[in-house]
Amino acid sequence: MTDLPAVAADVAALTFEKALAELETIVARLERGDVALEESIAAYERGEALKAHCTRLLSAAEARVEKIRLSAEGRPVGVEPLDVEGR
């Protein structure tokens, strides 16, 4: 089996784009069905970690966009501090 804490630490260092590309590769491999059982399980676990990481990054980006402050004229003037964990 995969060492899940090591996988999580490795995944946390990835950008959204790299994590998504790797997740797409894993999905394609699993859909082909030509992967051994143990390798499939390890790939699935990594895929779950990648999905969770992408979801966190998207949530943070969405929260930042929602926190843009507007001037009285409706022009963007800055962003408010973001506390993703406290949402």
PDB file of N, CA and C in Angstrom:
ATOM      1  N   MET A   1       0.830  -1.197   0.000  1.00  0.00           N
ATOM      2  CA  MET A   1       0.000   0.000   0.000  1.00  0.00           C
ATOM      3  C   MET A   1       0.869   1.253   0.000  1.00  0.00           C
ATOM      4  N   THR A   2       0.252   2.376  -0.275  1.00  0.00           N
ATOM      5  CA  THR A   2       0.952   3.648  -0.368  1.00  0.00           C
ATOM      6  C   THR A   2       1.083   4.288   1.005  1.00  0.00           C
ATOM      7  N   ASP A   3       2.190   4.990   1.242  1.00  0.00           N
ATOM      8  CA  ASP A   3       2.375   5.750   2.476  1.00  0.00           C
ATOM      9  C   ASP A   3       1.597   7.054   2.323  1.00  0.00           C
ATOM     10  N   LEU A   4       0.390   7.116   2.879  1.00  0.00           N
ATOM     11  CA  LEU A   4      -0.511   8.247   2.658  1.00  0.00           C
ATOM     12  C   LEU A   4       0.040   9.590   3.118  1.00  0.00           C
ATOM     13  N   PRO A   5       0.702   9.704   4.286  1.00  0.00           N
ATOM     14  CA  PRO A   5       1.263  11.009   4.653  1.00  0.00           C
ATOM     15  C   PRO A   5       2.307  11.495   3.650  1.00  0.00           C
ATOM     16  N   ALA A   6       3.121  10.581   3.125  1.00  0.00           N
ATOM     17  CA  ALA A   6       4.125  10.972   2.130  1.00  0.00           C
ATOM     18  C   ALA A   6       3.450  11.431   0.845  1.00  0.00           C
ATOM     19  N   VAL A   7       2.381  10.746   0.458  1.00  0.00           N
ATOM     20  CA  VAL A   7       1.628  11.143  -0.733  1.00  0.00           C
ATOM     21  C   VAL A   7       1.035  12.524  -0.526  1.00  0.00           C
ATOM     22  N   ALA A   8       0.433  12.765   0.628  1.00  0.00           N
ATOM     23  CA  ALA A   8      -0.192  14.056   0.904  1.00  0.00           C
ATOM     24  C   ALA A   8       0.829  15.184   0.868  1.00  0.00           C
ATOM     25  N   ALA A   9       2.004  14.965   1.424  1.00  0.00           N
ATOM     26  CA  ALA A   9       3.041  16.001   1.423  1.00  0.00           C
ATOM     27  C   ALA A   9       3.524  16.268   0.007  1.00  0.00           C
ATOM     28  N   ASP A  10       3.694  15.223  -0.769  1.00  0.00           N
ATOM     29  CA  ASP A  10       4.124  15.354  -2.158  1.00  0.00           C
ATOM     30  C   ASP A  10       3.074  16.111  -2.971  1.00  0.00           C
ATOM     31  N   VAL A  11       1.822  15.763  -2.800  1.00  0.00           N
ATOM     32  CA  VAL A  11       0.729  16.389  -3.539  1.00  0.00           C
ATOM     33  C   VAL A  11       0.581  17.854  -3.145  1.00  0.00           C
ATOM     34  N   ALA A  12       0.755  18.170  -1.878  1.00  0.00           N
ATOM     35  CA  ALA A  12       0.588  19.547  -1.400  1.00  0.00           C
ATOM     36  C   ALA A  12       1.561  20.516  -2.057  1.00  0.00           C
ATOM     37  N   ALA A  13       2.668  20.010  -2.564  1.00  0.00           N
ATOM     38  CA  ALA A  13       3.662  20.871  -3.209  1.00  0.00           C
ATOM     39  C   ALA A  13       3.319  21.173  -4.669  1.00  0.00           C
ATOM     40  N   LEU A  14       2.320  20.491  -5.227  1.00  0.00           N
ATOM     41  CA  LEU A  14       1.981  20.659  -6.642  1.00  0.00           C
ATOM     42  C   LEU A  14       1.119  21.893  -6.882  1.00  0.00           C
ATOM     43  N   THR A  15       1.306  22.504  -8.041  1.00  0.00           N
ATOM     44  CA  THR A  15       0.402  23.573  -8.465  1.00  0.00           C
ATOM     45  C   THR A  15      -0.919  22.938  -8.878  1.00  0.00           C
ATOM     46  N   PHE A  16      -1.948  23.752  -9.015  1.00  0.00           N
ATOM     47  CA  PHE A  16      -3.243  23.239  -9.452  1.00  0.00           C
ATOM     48  C   PHE A  16      -3.117  22.551 -10.809  1.00  0.00           C
ATOM     49  N   GLU A  17      -2.436  23.208 -11.731  1.00  0.00           N
ATOM     50  CA  GLU A  17      -2.319  22.675 -13.089  1.00  0.00           C
ATOM     51  C   GLU A  17      -1.597  21.328 -13.121  1.00  0.00           C
ATOM     52  N   LYS A  18      -0.519  21.208 -12.350  1.00  0.00           N
ATOM     53  CA  LYS A  18       0.226  19.941 -12.322  1.00  0.00           C
ATOM     54  C   LYS A  18      -0.589  18.843 -11.649  1.00  0.00           C
ATOM     55  N   ALA A  19      -1.283  19.186 -10.576  1.00  0.00           N
ATOM     56  CA  ALA A  19      -2.108  18.194  -9.882  1.00  0.00           C
ATOM     57  C   ALA A  19      -3.242  17.717 -10.783  1.00  0.00           C
ATOM     58  N   LEU A  20      -3.880  18.636 -11.490  1.00  0.00           N
ATOM     59  CA  LEU A  20      -4.977  18.268 -12.381  1.00  0.00           C
ATOM     60  C   LEU A  20      -4.484  17.396 -13.531  1.00  0.00           C
ATOM     61  N   ALA A  21      -3.343  17.739 -14.108  1.00  0.00           N
ATOM     62  CA  ALA A  21      -2.788  16.938 -15.207  1.00  0.00           C
ATOM     63  C   ALA A  21      -2.474  15.521 -14.735  1.00  0.00           C
ATOM     64  N   GLU A  22      -1.893  15.399 -13.547  1.00  0.00           N
ATOM     65  CA  GLU A  22      -1.583  14.068 -13.021  1.00  0.00           C
ATOM     66  C   GLU A  22      -2.858  13.291 -12.730  1.00  0.00           C
ATOM     67  N   LEU A  23      -3.862  13.968 -12.192  1.00  0.00           N
ATOM     68  CA  LEU A  23      -5.140  13.318 -11.914  1.00  0.00           C
ATOM     69  C   LEU A  23      -5.773  12.809 -13.208  1.00  0.00           C
ATOM     70  N   GLU A  24      -5.733  13.601 -14.259  1.00  0.00           N
ATOM     71  CA  GLU A  24      -6.281  13.175 -15.550  1.00  0.00           C
ATOM     72  C   GLU A  24      -5.543  11.946 -16.086  1.00  0.00           C
ATOM     73  N   THR A  25      -4.229  11.906 -15.901  1.00  0.00           N
ATOM     74  CA  THR A  25      -3.434  10.755 -16.334  1.00  0.00           C
ATOM     75  C   THR A  25      -3.832   9.502 -15.559  1.00  0.00           C
ATOM     76  N   ILE A  26      -4.013   9.646 -14.258  1.00  0.00           N
ATOM     77  CA  ILE A  26      -4.413   8.508 -13.419  1.00  0.00           C
ATOM     78  C   ILE A  26      -5.784   7.994 -13.838  1.00  0.00           C
ATOM     79  N   VAL A  27      -6.723   8.897 -14.054  1.00  0.00           N
ATOM     80  CA  VAL A  27      -8.072   8.494 -14.463  1.00  0.00           C
ATOM     81  C   VAL A  27      -8.016   7.727 -15.785  1.00  0.00           C
ATOM     82  N   ALA A  28      -7.245   8.225 -16.735  1.00  0.00           N
ATOM     83  CA  ALA A  28      -7.128   7.552 -18.032  1.00  0.00           C
ATOM     84  C   ALA A  28      -6.551   6.143 -17.865  1.00  0.00           C
ATOM     85  N   ARG A  29      -5.518   6.001 -17.026  1.00  0.00           N
ATOM     86  CA  ARG A  29      -4.914   4.680 -16.786  1.00  0.00           C
ATOM     87  C   ARG A  29      -5.922   3.725 -16.154  1.00  0.00           C
ATOM     88  N   LEU A  30      -6.654   4.215 -15.161  1.00  0.00           N
ATOM     89  CA  LEU A  30      -7.621   3.350 -14.486  1.00  0.00           C
ATOM     90  C   LEU A  30      -8.777   2.984 -15.419  1.00  0.00           C
ATOM     91  N   GLU A  31      -9.196   3.908 -16.270  1.00  0.00           N
ATOM     92  CA  GLU A  31     -10.284   3.622 -17.203  1.00  0.00           C
ATOM     93  C   GLU A  31      -9.884   2.580 -18.246  1.00  0.00           C
ATOM     94  N   ARG A  32      -8.611   2.560 -18.630  1.00  0.00           N
ATOM     95  CA  ARG A  32      -8.140   1.551 -19.591  1.00  0.00           C
ATOM     96  C   ARG A  32      -8.226   0.151 -18.991  1.00  0.00           C
ATOM     97  N   GLY A  33      -8.052   0.055 -17.679  1.00  0.00           N
ATOM     98  CA  GLY A  33      -8.177  -1.231 -17.000  1.00  0.00           C
ATOM     99  C   GLY A  33      -7.007  -2.171 -17.192  1.00  0.00           C
ATOM    100  N   ASP A  34      -5.868  -1.660 -17.608  1.00  0.00           N
ATOM    101  CA  ASP A  34      -4.712  -2.526 -17.839  1.00  0.00           C
ATOM    102  C   ASP A  34      -3.670  -2.418 -16.726  1.00  0.00           C
ATOM    103  N   VAL A  35      -4.122  -2.043 -15.531  1.00  0.00           N
ATOM    104  CA  VAL A  35      -3.228  -1.846 -14.391  1.00  0.00           C
ATOM    105  C   VAL A  35      -3.514  -2.947 -13.364  1.00  0.00           C
ATOM    106  N   ALA A  36      -2.460  -3.496 -12.776  1.00  0.00           N
ATOM    107  CA  ALA A  36      -2.610  -4.532 -11.751  1.00  0.00           C
ATOM    108  C   ALA A  36      -3.381  -3.983 -10.548  1.00  0.00           C
ATOM    109  N   LEU A  37      -3.970  -4.882  -9.787  1.00  0.00           N
ATOM    110  CA  LEU A  37      -4.817  -4.494  -8.660  1.00  0.00           C
ATOM    111  C   LEU A  37      -4.102  -3.576  -7.672  1.00  0.00           C
ATOM    112  N   GLU A  38      -2.933  -3.983  -7.188  1.00  0.00           N
ATOM    113  CA  GLU A  38      -2.214  -3.158  -6.199  1.00  0.00           C
ATOM    114  C   GLU A  38      -1.855  -1.790  -6.773  1.00  0.00           C
ATOM    115  N   GLU A  39      -1.438  -1.772  -8.029  1.00  0.00           N
ATOM    116  CA  GLU A  39      -1.103  -0.504  -8.673  1.00  0.00           C
ATOM    117  C   GLU A  39      -2.352   0.357  -8.847  1.00  0.00           C
ATOM    118  N   SER A  40      -3.476  -0.281  -9.134  1.00  0.00           N
ATOM    119  CA  SER A  40      -4.743   0.445  -9.260  1.00  0.00           C
ATOM    120  C   SER A  40      -5.134   1.095  -7.938  1.00  0.00           C
ATOM    121  N   ILE A  41      -4.963   0.355  -6.854  1.00  0.00           N
ATOM    122  CA  ILE A  41      -5.301   0.886  -5.531  1.00  0.00           C
ATOM    123  C   ILE A  41      -4.401   2.067  -5.193  1.00  0.00           C
ATOM    124  N   ALA A  42      -3.103   1.932  -5.450  1.00  0.00           N
ATOM    125  CA  ALA A  42      -2.164   3.030  -5.181  1.00  0.00           C
ATOM    126  C   ALA A  42      -2.496   4.246  -6.040  1.00  0.00           C
ATOM    127  N   ALA A  43      -2.829   4.007  -7.308  1.00  0.00           N
ATOM    128  CA  ALA A  43      -3.184   5.113  -8.202  1.00  0.00           C
ATOM    129  C   ALA A  43      -4.470   5.786  -7.730  1.00  0.00           C
ATOM    130  N   TYR A  44      -5.437   4.984  -7.295  1.00  0.00           N
ATOM    131  CA  TYR A  44      -6.697   5.533  -6.793  1.00  0.00           C
ATOM    132  C   TYR A  44      -6.453   6.404  -5.559  1.00  0.00           C
ATOM    133  N   GLU A  45      -5.624   5.920  -4.634  1.00  0.00           N
ATOM    134  CA  GLU A  45      -5.319   6.695  -3.423  1.00  0.00           C
ATOM    135  C   GLU A  45      -4.638   8.015  -3.777  1.00  0.00           C
ATOM    136  N   ARG A  46      -3.698   7.968  -4.710  1.00  0.00           N
ATOM    137  CA  ARG A  46      -3.030   9.203  -5.134  1.00  0.00           C
ATOM    138  C   ARG A  46      -4.040  10.120  -5.820  1.00  0.00           C
ATOM    139  N   GLY A  47      -4.908   9.541  -6.617  1.00  0.00           N
ATOM    140  CA  GLY A  47      -5.947  10.331  -7.277  1.00  0.00           C
ATOM    141  C   GLY A  47      -6.850  11.038  -6.281  1.00  0.00           C
ATOM    142  N   GLU A  48      -7.205  10.354  -5.220  1.00  0.00           N
ATOM    143  CA  GLU A  48      -8.030  10.973  -4.170  1.00  0.00           C
ATOM    144  C   GLU A  48      -7.298  12.151  -3.532  1.00  0.00           C
ATOM    145  N   ALA A  49      -6.004  11.977  -3.263  1.00  0.00           N
ATOM    146  CA  ALA A  49      -5.210  13.064  -2.677  1.00  0.00           C
ATOM    147  C   ALA A  49      -5.112  14.236  -3.651  1.00  0.00           C
ATOM    148  N   LEU A  50      -4.928  13.936  -4.930  1.00  0.00           N
ATOM    149  CA  LEU A  50      -4.854  14.995  -5.944  1.00  0.00           C
ATOM    150  C   LEU A  50      -6.182  15.738  -6.055  1.00  0.00           C
ATOM    151  N   LYS A  51      -7.281  14.996  -6.036  1.00  0.00           N
ATOM    152  CA  LYS A  51      -8.614  15.614  -6.115  1.00  0.00           C
ATOM    153  C   LYS A  51      -8.850  16.539  -4.929  1.00  0.00           C
ATOM    154  N   ALA A  52      -8.514  16.077  -3.736  1.00  0.00           N
ATOM    155  CA  ALA A  52      -8.694  16.900  -2.536  1.00  0.00           C
ATOM    156  C   ALA A  52      -7.836  18.160  -2.611  1.00  0.00           C
ATOM    157  N   HIS A  53      -6.612  18.022  -3.095  1.00  0.00           N
ATOM    158  CA  HIS A  53      -5.710  19.176  -3.230  1.00  0.00           C
ATOM    159  C   HIS A  53      -6.280  20.179  -4.233  1.00  0.00           C
ATOM    160  N   CYS A  54      -6.739  19.694  -5.379  1.00  0.00           N
ATOM    161  CA  CYS A  54      -7.328  20.582  -6.388  1.00  0.00           C
ATOM    162  C   CYS A  54      -8.562  21.293  -5.831  1.00  0.00           C
ATOM    163  N   THR A  55      -9.376  20.567  -5.086  1.00  0.00           N
ATOM    164  CA  THR A  55     -10.574  21.162  -4.492  1.00  0.00           C
ATOM    165  C   THR A  55     -10.204  22.270  -3.514  1.00  0.00           C
ATOM    166  N   ARG A  56      -9.175  22.039  -2.682  1.00  0.00           N
ATOM    167  CA  ARG A  56      -8.729  23.076  -1.740  1.00  0.00           C
ATOM    168  C   ARG A  56      -8.228  24.311  -2.479  1.00  0.00           C
ATOM    169  N   LEU A  57      -7.432  24.094  -3.524  1.00  0.00           N
ATOM    170  CA  LEU A  57      -6.899  25.228  -4.284  1.00  0.00           C
ATOM    171  C   LEU A  57      -8.010  26.007  -4.977  1.00  0.00           C
ATOM    172  N   LEU A  58      -8.984  25.303  -5.533  1.00  0.00           N
ATOM    173  CA  LEU A  58     -10.108  25.983  -6.183  1.00  0.00           C
ATOM    174  C   LEU A  58     -10.950  26.753  -5.174  1.00  0.00           C
ATOM    175  N   SER A  59     -11.174  26.169  -4.010  1.00  0.00           N
ATOM    176  CA  SER A  59     -11.943  26.858  -2.966  1.00  0.00           C
ATOM    177  C   SER A  59     -11.240  28.131  -2.525  1.00  0.00           C
ATOM    178  N   ALA A  60      -9.931  28.061  -2.382  1.00  0.00           N
ATOM    179  CA  ALA A  60      -9.163  29.241  -1.982  1.00  0.00           C
ATOM    180  C   ALA A  60      -9.242  30.314  -3.055  1.00  0.00           C
ATOM    181  N   ALA A  61      -9.127  29.917  -4.313  1.00  0.00           N
ATOM    182  CA  ALA A  61      -9.210  30.889  -5.410  1.00  0.00           C
ATOM    183  C   ALA A  61     -10.599  31.505  -5.473  1.00  0.00           C
ATOM    184  N   GLU A  62     -11.618  30.688  -5.304  1.00  0.00           N
ATOM    185  CA  GLU A  62     -12.994  31.187  -5.327  1.00  0.00           C
ATOM    186  C   GLU A  62     -13.226  32.175  -4.184  1.00  0.00           C
ATOM    187  N   ALA A  63     -12.735  31.862  -3.016  1.00  0.00           N
ATOM    188  CA  ALA A  63     -12.903  32.754  -1.866  1.00  0.00           C
ATOM    189  C   ALA A  63     -12.192  34.081  -2.102  1.00  0.00           C
ATOM    190  N   ARG A  64     -11.018  34.053  -2.714  1.00  0.00           N
ATOM    191  CA  ARG A  64     -10.290  35.295  -3.016  1.00  0.00           C
ATOM    192  C   ARG A  64     -11.075  36.151  -3.985  1.00  0.00           C
ATOM    193  N   VAL A  65     -11.628  35.533  -5.002  1.00  0.00           N
ATOM    194  CA  VAL A  65     -12.405  36.280  -5.985  1.00  0.00           C
ATOM    195  C   VAL A  65     -13.625  36.896  -5.311  1.00  0.00           C
ATOM    196  N   GLU A  66     -14.252  36.179  -4.418  1.00  0.00           N
ATOM    197  CA  GLU A  66     -15.433  36.679  -3.728  1.00  0.00           C
ATOM    198  C   GLU A  66     -15.093  37.792  -2.746  1.00  0.00           C
ATOM    199  N   LYS A  67     -13.837  37.893  -2.333  1.00  0.00           N
ATOM    200  CA  LYS A  67     -13.443  38.880  -1.340  1.00  0.00           C
ATOM    201  C   LYS A  67     -12.905  40.174  -1.958  1.00  0.00           C
ATOM    202  N   ILE A  68     -13.024  40.338  -3.265  1.00  0.00           N
ATOM    203  CA  ILE A  68     -12.552  41.572  -3.891  1.00  0.00           C
ATOM    204  C   ILE A  68     -13.437  42.727  -3.423  1.00  0.00           C
ATOM    205  N   ARG A  69     -12.786  43.783  -2.949  1.00  0.00           N
ATOM    206  CA  ARG A  69     -13.527  44.970  -2.503  1.00  0.00           C
ATOM    207  C   ARG A  69     -13.720  45.911  -3.677  1.00  0.00           C
ATOM    208  N   LEU A  70     -14.875  46.548  -3.715  1.00  0.00           N
ATOM    209  CA  LEU A  70     -15.178  47.503  -4.771  1.00  0.00           C
ATOM    210  C   LEU A  70     -15.296  48.902  -4.193  1.00  0.00           C
ATOM    211  N   SER A  71     -14.914  49.880  -5.009  1.00  0.00           N
ATOM    212  CA  SER A  71     -15.075  51.278  -4.603  1.00  0.00           C
ATOM    213  C   SER A  71     -16.545  51.658  -4.768  1.00  0.00           C
ATOM    214  N   ALA A  72     -16.897  52.878  -4.359  1.00  0.00           N
ATOM    215  CA  ALA A  72     -18.269  53.361  -4.504  1.00  0.00           C
ATOM    216  C   ALA A  72     -18.695  53.363  -5.971  1.00  0.00           C
ATOM    217  N   GLU A  73     -17.724  53.520  -6.871  1.00  0.00           N
ATOM    218  CA  GLU A  73     -18.025  53.529  -8.306  1.00  0.00           C
ATOM    219  C   GLU A  73     -18.081  52.115  -8.891  1.00  0.00           C
ATOM    220  N   GLY A  74     -17.800  51.121  -8.082  1.00  0.00           N
ATOM    221  CA  GLY A  74     -17.844  49.742  -8.543  1.00  0.00           C
ATOM    222  C   GLY A  74     -16.538  49.220  -9.104  1.00  0.00           C
ATOM    223  N   ARG A  75     -15.450  49.962  -8.918  1.00  0.00           N
ATOM    224  CA  ARG A  75     -14.141  49.525  -9.405  1.00  0.00           C
ATOM    225  C   ARG A  75     -13.437  48.700  -8.321  1.00  0.00           C
ATOM    226  N   PRO A  76     -12.715  47.654  -8.730  1.00  0.00           N
ATOM    227  CA  PRO A  76     -11.952  46.877  -7.743  1.00  0.00           C
ATOM    228  C   PRO A  76     -10.884  47.751  -7.093  1.00  0.00           C
ATOM    229  N   VAL A  77     -10.796  47.687  -5.766  1.00  0.00           N
ATOM    230  CA  VAL A  77      -9.801  48.492  -5.048  1.00  0.00           C
ATOM    231  C   VAL A  77      -8.863  47.639  -4.197  1.00  0.00           C
ATOM    232  N   GLY A  78      -9.065  46.361  -4.172  1.00  0.00           N
ATOM    233  CA  GLY A  78      -8.210  45.484  -3.376  1.00  0.00           C
ATOM    234  C   GLY A  78      -8.967  44.248  -2.957  1.00  0.00           C
ATOM    235  N   VAL A  79      -8.298  43.442  -2.176  1.00  0.00           N
ATOM    236  CA  VAL A  79      -8.931  42.232  -1.668  1.00  0.00           C
ATOM    237  C   VAL A  79      -8.827  42.212  -0.154  1.00  0.00           C
ATOM    238  N   GLU A  80      -9.811  41.587   0.462  1.00  0.00           N
ATOM    239  CA  GLU A  80      -9.796  41.427   1.913  1.00  0.00           C
ATOM    240  C   GLU A  80      -8.936  40.215   2.262  1.00  0.00           C
ATOM    241  N   PRO A  81      -8.369  40.183   3.462  1.00  0.00           N
ATOM    242  CA  PRO A  81      -7.590  39.006   3.876  1.00  0.00           C
ATOM    243  C   PRO A  81      -8.445  37.747   3.782  1.00  0.00           C
ATOM    244  N   LEU A  82      -7.819  36.671   3.386  1.00  0.00           N
ATOM    245  CA  LEU A  82      -8.514  35.418   3.173  1.00  0.00           C
ATOM    246  C   LEU A  82      -8.142  34.413   4.247  1.00  0.00           C
ATOM    247  N   ASP A  83      -9.146  33.820   4.874  1.00  0.00           N
ATOM    248  CA  ASP A  83      -8.940  32.756   5.848  1.00  0.00           C
ATOM    249  C   ASP A  83      -9.684  31.531   5.335  1.00  0.00           C
ATOM    250  N   VAL A  84      -9.021  30.742   4.494  1.00  0.00           N
ATOM    251  CA  VAL A  84      -9.654  29.591   3.861  1.00  0.00           C
ATOM    252  C   VAL A  84     -10.111  28.572   4.897  1.00  0.00           C
ATOM    253  N   GLU A  85      -9.303  28.317   5.895  1.00  0.00           N
ATOM    254  CA  GLU A  85      -9.635  27.304   6.897  1.00  0.00           C
ATOM    255  C   GLU A  85     -10.806  27.733   7.772  1.00  0.00           C
ATOM    256  N   GLY A  86     -11.004  29.017   7.959  1.00  0.00           N
ATOM    257  CA  GLY A  86     -12.061  29.512   8.828  1.00  0.00           C
ATOM    258  C   GLY A  86     -13.383  29.752   8.140  1.00  0.00           C
ATOM    259  N   ARG A  87     -13.478  29.399   6.882  1.00  0.00           N
ATOM    260  CA  ARG A  87     -14.708  29.639   6.116  1.00  0.00           C
ATOM    261  C   ARG A  87     -15.868  28.887   6.648  1.00  0.00           C
TER     262      ARG A  87
END
